[in-house]
């Protein structure tokens, strides 16, 4: 949607989306038409199947010069185009490579029946993602890391892949002038504050943050950890915090809209992402755009989204000691925090705005048309 908004004066774009959150009628937002395709909005694989079924039924009525689908959201579409002898370029955009996520999840083991089922479904979706990639004219992905994994798992030639990173709205996510007021609204005082934003799922590595927090509160007992996001591990996280006597140090905020989220970023002294796998990590870009230094494990494409030692710290994957030490360093050194925050704002503004990313995507559309 962000790319579409910025290209509306250069090309006509129509988005076909699942019927989520009450979206039932064709509408226009910022000059971009959105068309609903039935989906259950409940269980992801089933929801995705219904969406694809609805989308493919509309194929004959969708007249475009270039078609694009993200991840496995439109896995049936290129086959339907072929079956209906519609010879138009098709672009497959892959964010995190599902086969890579599946591989990383296997390394972590299968802690529950739900976890085993989730990994089984992910394996199946990865196969669909691979098939879609092979059917595509061009593939777009978000980082060099994801490019390498597409080559490794899906056996796609590098010449078929283009890198267009996710972007950030730097006018929405920016250093706030009213951070003290935002902190007051959250019931925060002068406590040092660490922020996490992401789904509460295994690959986001929340248990590593809990372990790091145990060490951190021994040195800074009043440290607050803001957790924005929701997911299947919420109850497990709450139980873990109770067992480690950390519940008072954590504030679980659930999912937030962007407007409120940008205000929460301004409350943080440091941002943390303890993921064990990331194709890029858009929340790292949002934090840096907000002038907040970041700490993360050096995994996946994160080192393309963070300048280690300049805009934050990248530490050894799985090392809760290094994770906690890096966060404590930022919480204890105001000058360093402000310097890294300013560096991060400049870094994102120069390389990762949605305007920059949209123009890169436009070049991919032009290339696909010329192929």
Protein backbone atom coordinates (compact mmCIF):
# COMPACT_ATOMS: atom_id res chain seq x y z
CA UNK A 1 0.00 0.00 0.00
CA UNK A 2 2.81 2.43 0.84
CA UNK A 3 4.46 1.85 -2.55
CA UNK A 4 1.11 2.25 -4.32
CA UNK A 5 0.43 5.59 -2.61
CA UNK A 6 3.73 6.96 -3.89
CA UNK A 7 3.31 5.73 -7.44
CA UNK A 8 -0.33 6.72 -7.97
CA UNK A 9 0.61 9.64 -10.25
CA UNK A 10 2.86 7.45 -12.40
CA UNK A 11 0.91 4.20 -12.80
CA UNK A 12 -2.59 2.83 -12.13
CA UNK A 13 -2.57 0.28 -9.31
CA UNK A 14 -5.37 -1.97 -8.08
CA UNK A 15 -4.89 -4.08 -4.94
CA UNK A 16 -6.83 -7.30 -4.35
CA UNK A 17 -6.95 -8.00 -0.62
CA UNK A 18 -8.54 -10.49 1.75
CA UNK A 19 -11.79 -9.56 3.50
CA UNK A 20 -10.18 -8.71 6.81
CA UNK A 21 -11.27 -6.29 9.52
CA UNK A 22 -14.62 -5.61 7.90
CA UNK A 23 -13.24 -4.91 4.41
CA UNK A 24 -16.17 -5.98 2.22
CA UNK A 25 -16.64 -3.41 -0.55
CA UNK A 26 -14.38 -2.06 -3.28
CA UNK A 27 -12.98 1.26 -2.14
CA UNK A 28 -10.34 3.83 -3.05
CA UNK A 29 -7.66 5.09 -0.68
CA UNK A 30 -5.18 7.78 -1.73
CA UNK A 31 -6.03 7.13 -5.36
CA UNK A 32 -5.48 3.37 -5.12
CA UNK A 33 -8.39 0.98 -5.71
CA UNK A 34 -8.80 -1.88 -3.21
CA UNK A 35 -10.91 -4.90 -4.18
CA UNK A 36 -12.01 -7.50 -1.58
CA UNK A 37 -11.46 -11.23 -2.15
CA UNK A 38 -13.19 -13.54 0.31
CA UNK A 39 -11.05 -14.90 3.15
CA UNK A 40 -11.96 -16.29 6.56
CA UNK A 41 -9.73 -13.96 8.61
CA UNK A 42 -9.24 -16.79 11.12
CA UNK A 43 -6.74 -19.61 10.62
CA UNK A 44 -3.95 -18.44 8.30
CA UNK A 45 -3.54 -21.44 5.96
CA UNK A 46 -7.32 -21.81 5.57
CA UNK A 47 -7.72 -18.07 5.24
CA UNK A 48 -5.03 -18.04 2.55
CA UNK A 49 -6.67 -20.92 0.66
CA UNK A 50 -10.02 -19.11 0.51
CA UNK A 51 -8.32 -15.89 -0.61
CA UNK A 52 -6.53 -17.69 -3.45
CA UNK A 53 -9.72 -19.45 -4.48
CA UNK A 54 -11.57 -16.11 -4.60
CA UNK A 55 -8.72 -14.33 -6.40
CA UNK A 56 -8.28 -16.94 -9.13
CA UNK A 57 -12.00 -16.79 -9.93
CA UNK A 58 -11.53 -13.10 -10.74
CA UNK A 59 -8.48 -13.66 -12.97
CA UNK A 60 -10.32 -13.34 -16.28
CA UNK A 61 -11.71 -9.96 -15.21
CA UNK A 62 -8.38 -8.55 -14.02
CA UNK A 63 -6.81 -6.70 -16.95
CA UNK A 64 -3.32 -5.48 -16.08
CA UNK A 65 0.02 -4.95 -17.78
CA UNK A 66 1.92 -6.42 -14.80
CA UNK A 67 0.70 -8.72 -12.01
CA UNK A 68 2.31 -8.98 -8.58
CA UNK A 69 1.74 -11.21 -5.53
CA UNK A 70 3.43 -11.19 -2.13
CA UNK A 71 4.73 -14.30 -0.34
CA UNK A 72 2.08 -17.05 -0.78
CA UNK A 73 -0.86 -14.63 -0.84
CA UNK A 74 -1.46 -15.33 -4.53
CA UNK A 75 0.16 -18.72 -5.08
CA UNK A 76 -2.60 -19.91 -7.42
CA UNK A 77 -2.57 -16.80 -9.57
CA UNK A 78 0.37 -17.45 -11.98
CA UNK A 79 -0.94 -20.95 -12.79
CA UNK A 80 -4.37 -19.52 -13.53
CA UNK A 81 -2.81 -16.90 -15.82
CA UNK A 82 -1.03 -19.69 -17.68
CA UNK A 83 -4.14 -21.86 -17.90
CA UNK A 84 -6.13 -18.94 -19.31
CA UNK A 85 -3.30 -18.17 -21.76
CA UNK A 86 -2.83 -14.68 -20.35
CA UNK A 87 0.76 -13.82 -21.26
CA UNK A 88 1.56 -10.92 -18.98
CA UNK A 89 4.58 -10.50 -16.67
CA UNK A 90 4.15 -11.75 -13.10
CA UNK A 91 6.28 -10.48 -10.18
CA UNK A 92 6.61 -12.53 -7.01
CA UNK A 93 7.61 -10.49 -3.95
CA UNK A 94 9.19 -12.52 -1.13
CA UNK A 95 9.83 -10.94 2.25
CA UNK A 96 11.16 -13.52 4.70
CA UNK A 97 11.92 -16.76 2.85
CA UNK A 98 9.52 -19.33 4.31
CA UNK A 99 11.89 -22.25 3.70
CA UNK A 100 14.52 -20.42 5.75
CA UNK A 101 12.03 -19.75 8.55
CA UNK A 102 11.15 -23.45 8.54
CA UNK A 103 14.82 -24.44 8.73
CA UNK A 104 15.47 -22.07 11.64
CA UNK A 105 12.37 -23.34 13.45
CA UNK A 106 13.59 -26.94 13.14
CA UNK A 107 16.84 -25.95 14.86
CA UNK A 108 14.85 -24.64 17.80
CA UNK A 109 12.93 -27.91 18.13
CA UNK A 110 9.20 -28.46 18.51
CA UNK A 111 8.15 -27.46 22.05
CA UNK A 112 4.43 -28.12 21.67
CA UNK A 113 1.79 -29.76 19.51
CA UNK A 114 0.83 -26.31 18.27
CA UNK A 115 4.47 -25.59 17.43
CA UNK A 116 4.82 -28.84 15.49
CA UNK A 117 1.63 -28.10 13.56
CA UNK A 118 2.80 -24.57 12.77
CA UNK A 119 6.08 -25.87 11.40
CA UNK A 120 4.33 -28.56 9.35
CA UNK A 121 2.12 -25.89 7.77
CA UNK A 122 5.10 -23.61 7.19
CA UNK A 123 6.86 -26.42 5.33
CA UNK A 124 3.87 -26.75 3.00
CA UNK A 125 3.64 -23.00 2.45
CA UNK A 126 7.36 -22.89 1.64
CA UNK A 127 6.75 -25.39 -1.17
CA UNK A 128 4.00 -23.16 -2.55
CA UNK A 129 6.29 -20.13 -2.31
CA UNK A 130 8.96 -22.04 -4.26
CA UNK A 131 6.50 -23.01 -7.00
CA UNK A 132 5.28 -19.42 -7.31
CA UNK A 133 8.86 -18.16 -7.54
CA UNK A 134 9.61 -20.52 -10.42
CA UNK A 135 6.47 -19.37 -12.25
CA UNK A 136 7.37 -15.67 -11.89
CA UNK A 137 8.90 -13.39 -14.51
CA UNK A 138 10.92 -11.61 -11.83
CA UNK A 139 11.29 -12.00 -8.07
CA UNK A 140 11.58 -9.10 -5.65
CA UNK A 141 13.02 -9.57 -2.18
CA UNK A 142 14.06 -7.30 0.67
CA UNK A 143 17.74 -8.02 1.34
CA UNK A 144 20.88 -9.73 0.10
CA UNK A 145 20.35 -12.30 2.84
CA UNK A 146 16.91 -13.20 1.47
CA UNK A 147 18.38 -13.36 -2.03
CA UNK A 148 20.94 -15.92 -0.85
CA UNK A 149 18.23 -18.01 0.80
CA UNK A 150 16.03 -17.91 -2.31
CA UNK A 151 18.98 -19.25 -4.29
CA UNK A 152 19.75 -21.92 -1.71
CA UNK A 153 16.25 -23.22 -0.95
CA UNK A 154 14.35 -22.50 -4.16
CA UNK A 155 17.19 -22.97 -6.68
CA UNK A 156 16.43 -19.69 -8.43
CA UNK A 157 19.10 -18.04 -10.56
CA UNK A 158 20.35 -14.74 -9.10
CA UNK A 159 19.66 -12.96 -12.41
CA UNK A 160 15.92 -13.35 -11.82
CA UNK A 161 15.90 -11.59 -8.42
CA UNK A 162 15.79 -7.86 -7.62
CA UNK A 163 16.32 -6.34 -4.18
CA UNK A 164 13.84 -3.70 -3.03
CA UNK A 165 13.91 -3.26 0.76
CA UNK A 166 10.93 -2.42 2.91
CA UNK A 167 10.69 1.27 3.63
CA UNK A 168 9.60 3.61 6.41
CA UNK A 169 7.41 6.69 6.49
CA UNK A 170 9.97 9.06 8.01
CA UNK A 171 7.30 11.72 8.59
CA UNK A 172 5.27 9.31 10.72
CA UNK A 173 8.23 7.71 12.48
CA UNK A 174 10.49 10.52 13.64
CA UNK A 175 12.03 11.87 16.85
CA UNK A 176 9.22 13.25 18.99
CA UNK A 177 9.20 16.64 20.67
CA UNK A 178 6.70 15.47 23.28
CA UNK A 179 8.37 12.26 24.49
CA UNK A 180 7.87 13.22 28.15
CA UNK A 181 4.13 13.62 27.57
CA UNK A 182 3.99 10.26 25.76
CA UNK A 183 5.80 8.59 28.65
CA UNK A 184 3.40 10.14 31.15
CA UNK A 185 0.41 8.73 29.25
CA UNK A 186 1.91 5.25 29.58
CA UNK A 187 2.49 5.70 33.29
CA UNK A 188 6.25 5.91 32.85
CA UNK A 189 8.46 8.21 34.86
CA UNK A 190 12.22 8.46 34.57
CA UNK A 191 12.71 4.69 34.35
CA UNK A 192 15.05 3.47 31.61
CA UNK A 193 12.85 2.01 28.89
CA UNK A 194 13.48 -0.78 26.34
CA UNK A 195 11.00 -1.38 23.52
CA UNK A 196 10.21 -4.54 21.52
CA UNK A 197 7.77 -4.54 18.58
CA UNK A 198 6.80 -7.76 16.83
CA UNK A 199 4.58 -10.83 16.80
CA UNK A 200 4.82 -13.08 19.85
CA UNK A 201 6.01 -16.08 17.87
CA UNK A 202 9.04 -18.38 18.31
CA UNK A 203 11.39 -16.78 15.78
CA UNK A 204 11.13 -13.37 17.47
CA UNK A 205 13.19 -14.74 20.37
CA UNK A 206 11.33 -13.31 23.37
CA UNK A 207 12.79 -15.94 25.75
CA UNK A 208 16.23 -14.46 25.03
CA UNK A 209 14.99 -11.03 26.06
CA UNK A 210 13.56 -12.43 29.30
CA UNK A 211 16.94 -13.99 30.13
CA UNK A 212 18.73 -10.73 29.33
CA UNK A 213 16.24 -8.81 31.46
CA UNK A 214 17.03 -11.01 34.48
CA UNK A 215 20.61 -9.74 34.35
CA UNK A 216 19.69 -6.16 33.53
CA UNK A 217 17.35 -5.61 36.47
CA UNK A 218 20.14 -6.61 38.83
CA UNK A 219 21.96 -3.45 37.72
CA UNK A 220 18.96 -1.26 36.89
CA UNK A 221 16.05 -2.59 38.92
CA UNK A 222 13.54 -0.05 37.56
CA UNK A 223 14.10 -0.85 33.86
CA UNK A 224 10.84 -1.09 31.94
CA UNK A 225 10.35 -3.33 28.92
CA UNK A 226 7.50 -2.35 26.59
CA UNK A 227 6.24 -5.27 24.49
CA UNK A 228 4.11 -4.26 21.49
CA UNK A 229 2.50 -7.11 19.60
CA UNK A 230 0.40 -10.21 20.08
CA UNK A 231 0.58 -13.87 19.18
CA UNK A 232 0.40 -17.50 20.30
CA UNK A 233 3.26 -17.16 22.82
CA UNK A 234 1.61 -14.44 24.91
CA UNK A 235 0.52 -16.77 27.71
CA UNK A 236 3.90 -18.50 27.71
CA UNK A 237 5.65 -15.13 27.95
CA UNK A 238 3.44 -14.03 30.84
CA UNK A 239 4.08 -17.31 32.68
CA UNK A 240 7.83 -16.94 32.18
CA UNK A 241 7.77 -13.39 33.56
CA UNK A 242 5.83 -14.53 36.61
CA UNK A 243 8.31 -17.33 37.31
CA UNK A 244 11.29 -14.96 37.04
CA UNK A 245 9.63 -12.18 39.08
CA UNK A 246 9.86 -9.80 36.11
CA UNK A 247 6.16 -9.16 35.51
CA UNK A 248 6.34 -5.69 37.09
CA UNK A 249 9.16 -4.74 34.73
CA UNK A 250 7.24 -5.66 31.58
CA UNK A 251 4.28 -3.89 30.01
CA UNK A 252 2.48 -6.04 27.42
CA UNK A 253 0.63 -3.59 25.18
CA UNK A 254 -0.81 -5.82 22.44
CA UNK A 255 -1.08 -4.65 18.84
CA UNK A 256 -1.09 -0.91 18.16
CA UNK A 257 -2.05 1.23 15.18
CA UNK A 258 0.81 3.14 13.53
CA UNK A 259 -0.21 6.50 14.98
CA UNK A 260 -0.04 5.21 18.52
CA UNK A 261 3.01 3.07 17.78
CA UNK A 262 5.03 6.09 16.65
CA UNK A 263 4.31 7.71 20.02
CA UNK A 264 5.46 4.57 21.86
CA UNK A 265 8.77 4.58 19.98
CA UNK A 266 9.42 8.03 21.38
CA UNK A 267 9.19 6.63 24.93
CA UNK A 268 12.08 4.22 24.47
CA UNK A 269 15.72 4.71 25.33
CA UNK A 270 16.64 1.63 23.28
CA UNK A 271 14.94 -0.79 20.92
CA UNK A 272 15.55 -4.55 21.00
CA UNK A 273 14.86 -7.31 18.48
CA UNK A 274 16.12 -10.72 19.70
CA UNK A 275 14.94 -12.57 16.56
CA UNK A 276 16.66 -15.77 15.48
CA UNK A 277 15.70 -15.13 11.84
CA UNK A 278 14.79 -11.95 9.94
CA UNK A 279 14.84 -11.11 6.26
CA UNK A 280 15.28 -7.43 7.11
CA UNK A 281 13.41 -6.26 10.21
CA UNK A 282 11.22 -3.26 9.36
CA UNK A 283 10.74 -2.45 13.05
CA UNK A 284 14.48 -1.79 13.26
CA UNK A 285 14.05 0.83 10.53
CA UNK A 286 11.07 2.38 12.33
CA UNK A 287 13.05 2.61 15.56
CA UNK A 288 16.06 4.20 13.85
CA UNK A 289 13.82 6.63 11.95
CA UNK A 290 12.42 7.58 15.37
CA UNK A 291 15.92 8.37 16.60
CA UNK A 292 16.13 5.29 18.85
CA UNK A 293 19.31 3.16 18.91
CA UNK A 294 18.75 -0.56 18.38
CA UNK A 295 20.15 -3.84 19.69
CA UNK A 296 19.65 -7.13 17.86
CA UNK A 297 21.20 -10.49 17.18
CA UNK A 298 23.40 -10.47 14.08
CA UNK A 299 21.20 -12.84 12.06
CA UNK A 300 19.62 -12.86 8.61
CA UNK A 301 19.42 -9.54 6.85
CA UNK A 302 19.58 -7.47 10.03
CA UNK A 303 23.14 -6.32 9.35
CA UNK A 304 21.81 -4.65 6.19
CA UNK A 305 19.25 -2.68 8.21
CA UNK A 306 21.56 -1.64 11.09
CA UNK A 307 25.05 -0.15 11.08
CA UNK A 308 26.77 -1.98 13.91
CA UNK A 309 28.50 0.43 16.29
CA UNK A 310 26.96 3.45 14.56
CA UNK A 311 23.17 3.15 14.79
CA UNK A 312 23.07 0.34 17.35
CA UNK A 313 24.70 -2.91 18.38
CA UNK A 314 24.55 -6.32 16.72
CA UNK A 315 25.51 -9.14 19.08
CA UNK A 316 26.24 -12.84 18.87
CA UNK A 317 23.06 -14.79 18.08
CA UNK A 318 21.60 -16.40 21.19
CA UNK A 319 23.94 -14.61 23.61
CA UNK A 320 21.67 -13.19 26.30
CA UNK A 321 24.72 -11.84 28.10
CA UNK A 322 25.81 -9.74 25.12
CA UNK A 323 22.22 -8.69 24.48
CA UNK A 324 21.81 -7.42 28.04
CA UNK A 325 25.24 -5.74 28.11
CA UNK A 326 24.54 -3.84 24.89
CA UNK A 327 21.20 -2.61 26.20
CA UNK A 328 22.71 -1.57 29.54
CA UNK A 329 25.43 0.35 27.70
CA UNK A 330 22.81 2.42 25.91
CA UNK A 331 20.72 2.91 29.04
CA UNK A 332 23.79 4.11 30.96
CA UNK A 333 25.31 6.46 28.37
CA UNK A 334 22.98 9.27 27.31
CA UNK A 335 25.51 10.82 24.90
CA UNK A 336 26.02 7.49 23.11
CA UNK A 337 22.28 6.91 22.93
CA UNK A 338 21.68 10.33 21.37
CA UNK A 339 24.58 9.98 18.92
CA UNK A 340 23.43 6.55 17.71
CA UNK A 341 19.85 7.76 17.53
CA UNK A 342 20.84 10.68 15.28
CA UNK A 343 22.96 8.36 13.12
CA UNK A 344 20.02 5.97 12.76
CA UNK A 345 17.63 8.72 11.72
CA UNK A 346 20.07 9.90 9.04
CA UNK A 347 20.80 6.34 7.84
CA UNK A 348 17.12 5.48 7.31
CA UNK A 349 16.29 8.87 5.76
CA UNK A 350 19.04 8.41 3.17
CA UNK A 351 18.36 4.78 2.24
CA UNK A 352 14.99 3.40 3.40
CA UNK A 353 12.20 5.91 2.85
CA UNK A 354 9.10 4.64 1.06
CA UNK A 355 9.70 7.20 -1.68
CA UNK A 356 13.11 5.65 -2.43
CA UNK A 357 11.75 2.11 -2.30
CA UNK A 358 8.76 2.97 -4.49
CA UNK A 359 11.00 4.27 -7.27
CA UNK A 360 13.06 1.08 -7.10
CA UNK A 361 9.86 -0.93 -7.45
CA UNK A 362 8.79 1.17 -10.45
CA UNK A 363 12.03 0.18 -12.20
CA UNK A 364 11.17 -3.49 -11.59
CA UNK A 365 7.73 -3.01 -13.18
CA UNK A 366 9.34 -1.35 -16.21
CA UNK A 367 11.88 -4.18 -16.50
CA UNK A 368 9.16 -6.83 -16.29
CA UNK A 369 7.22 -5.09 -19.08
CA UNK A 370 10.31 -4.99 -21.26
CA UNK A 371 11.13 -8.69 -20.71
